[in-house]
Amino acid sequence: MNEKKKQPSKRVKRKPDLSKHELRKMMGEFDQVLERRHGALRRKGR
């Protein structure tokens, strides 16, 4: 599971010129991972 979490961030750093849709999708997945870790804390911050 750790490897899966690390891969997307690596891809984003390598390709900053991703389409907005791709970026949105990645950010969405990233948010889900954060939510799993911190619960509703992330939602409150927004």
N, C-alpha and C. Protein backbone atom coordinates (compact mmCIF):
# COMPACT_ATOMS: atom_id res chain seq x y z
N MET A 1 0.84 -1.21 0.00
CA MET A 1 0.00 0.00 0.00
C MET A 1 0.87 1.26 0.00
N ASN A 2 1.99 1.21 0.71
CA ASN A 2 2.86 2.38 0.75
C ASN A 2 3.34 2.75 -0.65
N GLU A 3 3.71 1.74 -1.44
CA GLU A 3 4.21 2.02 -2.79
C GLU A 3 3.12 2.72 -3.61
N LYS A 4 1.90 2.27 -3.47
CA LYS A 4 0.80 2.87 -4.25
C LYS A 4 0.64 4.34 -3.86
N LYS A 5 0.79 4.63 -2.58
CA LYS A 5 0.62 6.03 -2.14
C LYS A 5 1.74 6.90 -2.70
N LYS A 6 2.94 6.35 -2.77
CA LYS A 6 4.09 7.17 -3.20
C LYS A 6 4.06 7.44 -4.70
N GLN A 7 3.59 6.49 -5.49
CA GLN A 7 3.67 6.61 -6.96
C GLN A 7 2.99 7.87 -7.51
N PRO A 8 1.75 8.16 -7.16
CA PRO A 8 1.07 9.32 -7.76
C PRO A 8 1.83 10.62 -7.53
N SER A 9 2.30 10.86 -6.32
CA SER A 9 3.01 12.11 -6.05
C SER A 9 4.26 12.20 -6.92
N LYS A 10 4.95 11.08 -7.10
CA LYS A 10 6.14 11.09 -7.96
C LYS A 10 5.75 11.51 -9.38
N ARG A 11 4.66 10.95 -9.88
CA ARG A 11 4.24 11.25 -11.24
C ARG A 11 3.92 12.74 -11.38
N VAL A 12 3.27 13.31 -10.37
CA VAL A 12 2.90 14.74 -10.43
C VAL A 12 4.16 15.59 -10.47
N LYS A 13 5.16 15.22 -9.67
CA LYS A 13 6.38 16.02 -9.64
C LYS A 13 7.10 15.94 -10.98
N ARG A 14 7.10 14.77 -11.59
CA ARG A 14 7.81 14.59 -12.85
C ARG A 14 7.11 15.34 -13.98
N LYS A 15 5.77 15.32 -13.97
CA LYS A 15 5.01 15.93 -15.08
C LYS A 15 4.12 17.04 -14.53
N PRO A 16 4.63 18.23 -14.36
CA PRO A 16 3.79 19.32 -13.86
C PRO A 16 2.77 19.79 -14.90
N ASP A 17 2.98 19.42 -16.17
CA ASP A 17 2.09 19.88 -17.23
C ASP A 17 0.97 18.87 -17.51
N LEU A 18 0.51 18.20 -16.46
CA LEU A 18 -0.61 17.27 -16.64
C LEU A 18 -1.88 18.05 -16.97
N SER A 19 -2.79 17.40 -17.65
CA SER A 19 -4.07 18.05 -17.92
C SER A 19 -4.78 18.29 -16.59
N LYS A 20 -5.62 19.31 -16.55
CA LYS A 20 -6.29 19.64 -15.29
C LYS A 20 -7.13 18.47 -14.80
N HIS A 21 -7.72 17.74 -15.74
CA HIS A 21 -8.54 16.59 -15.34
C HIS A 21 -7.68 15.57 -14.61
N GLU A 22 -6.51 15.26 -15.18
CA GLU A 22 -5.61 14.29 -14.54
C GLU A 22 -5.21 14.80 -13.16
N LEU A 23 -4.84 16.07 -13.09
CA LEU A 23 -4.42 16.64 -11.82
C LEU A 23 -5.54 16.54 -10.80
N ARG A 24 -6.75 16.89 -11.23
CA ARG A 24 -7.90 16.83 -10.32
C ARG A 24 -8.08 15.41 -9.79
N LYS A 25 -7.97 14.43 -10.71
CA LYS A 25 -8.16 13.03 -10.31
C LYS A 25 -7.11 12.65 -9.27
N MET A 26 -5.86 13.04 -9.54
CA MET A 26 -4.78 12.69 -8.62
C MET A 26 -5.01 13.36 -7.27
N MET A 27 -5.36 14.64 -7.30
CA MET A 27 -5.60 15.35 -6.05
C MET A 27 -6.74 14.69 -5.29
N GLY A 28 -7.77 14.25 -6.01
CA GLY A 28 -8.89 13.58 -5.37
C GLY A 28 -8.43 12.32 -4.65
N GLU A 29 -7.62 11.52 -5.34
CA GLU A 29 -7.10 10.30 -4.71
C GLU A 29 -6.26 10.67 -3.50
N PHE A 30 -5.44 11.72 -3.65
CA PHE A 30 -4.57 12.14 -2.55
C PHE A 30 -5.41 12.57 -1.35
N ASP A 31 -6.49 13.33 -1.61
CA ASP A 31 -7.37 13.77 -0.53
C ASP A 31 -7.96 12.57 0.19
N GLN A 32 -8.35 11.55 -0.58
CA GLN A 32 -8.93 10.36 0.04
C GLN A 32 -7.92 9.72 0.99
N VAL A 33 -6.67 9.67 0.56
CA VAL A 33 -5.63 9.07 1.41
C VAL A 33 -5.49 9.89 2.68
N LEU A 34 -5.47 11.22 2.54
CA LEU A 34 -5.33 12.09 3.71
C LEU A 34 -6.52 11.89 4.64
N GLU A 35 -7.71 11.82 4.05
CA GLU A 35 -8.91 11.65 4.88
C GLU A 35 -8.82 10.37 5.67
N ARG A 36 -8.30 9.31 5.06
CA ARG A 36 -8.17 8.04 5.76
C ARG A 36 -7.28 8.23 6.98
N ARG A 37 -6.21 9.05 6.81
CA ARG A 37 -5.25 9.22 7.90
C ARG A 37 -5.80 10.16 8.97
N HIS A 38 -6.34 11.31 8.55
CA HIS A 38 -6.69 12.36 9.51
C HIS A 38 -8.19 12.46 9.76
N GLY A 39 -8.98 11.63 9.10
CA GLY A 39 -10.41 11.70 9.31
C GLY A 39 -11.00 12.99 8.75
N ALA A 40 -11.90 13.63 9.50
CA ALA A 40 -12.60 14.82 9.00
C ALA A 40 -11.77 16.08 9.16
N LEU A 41 -10.60 15.97 9.77
CA LEU A 41 -9.76 17.15 9.96
C LEU A 41 -9.54 17.88 8.64
N ARG A 42 -9.24 17.10 7.62
CA ARG A 42 -8.93 17.70 6.31
C ARG A 42 -10.14 18.52 5.82
N ARG A 43 -11.33 17.97 5.98
CA ARG A 43 -12.53 18.65 5.48
C ARG A 43 -12.73 19.98 6.20
N LYS A 44 -12.49 19.98 7.51
CA LYS A 44 -12.65 21.23 8.28
C LYS A 44 -11.70 22.30 7.77
N GLY A 45 -10.47 21.88 7.44
CA GLY A 45 -9.45 22.85 7.01
C GLY A 45 -9.88 23.61 5.76
N ARG A 46 -10.71 22.97 4.92
CA ARG A 46 -11.08 23.64 3.67
C ARG A 46 -12.10 24.69 3.97
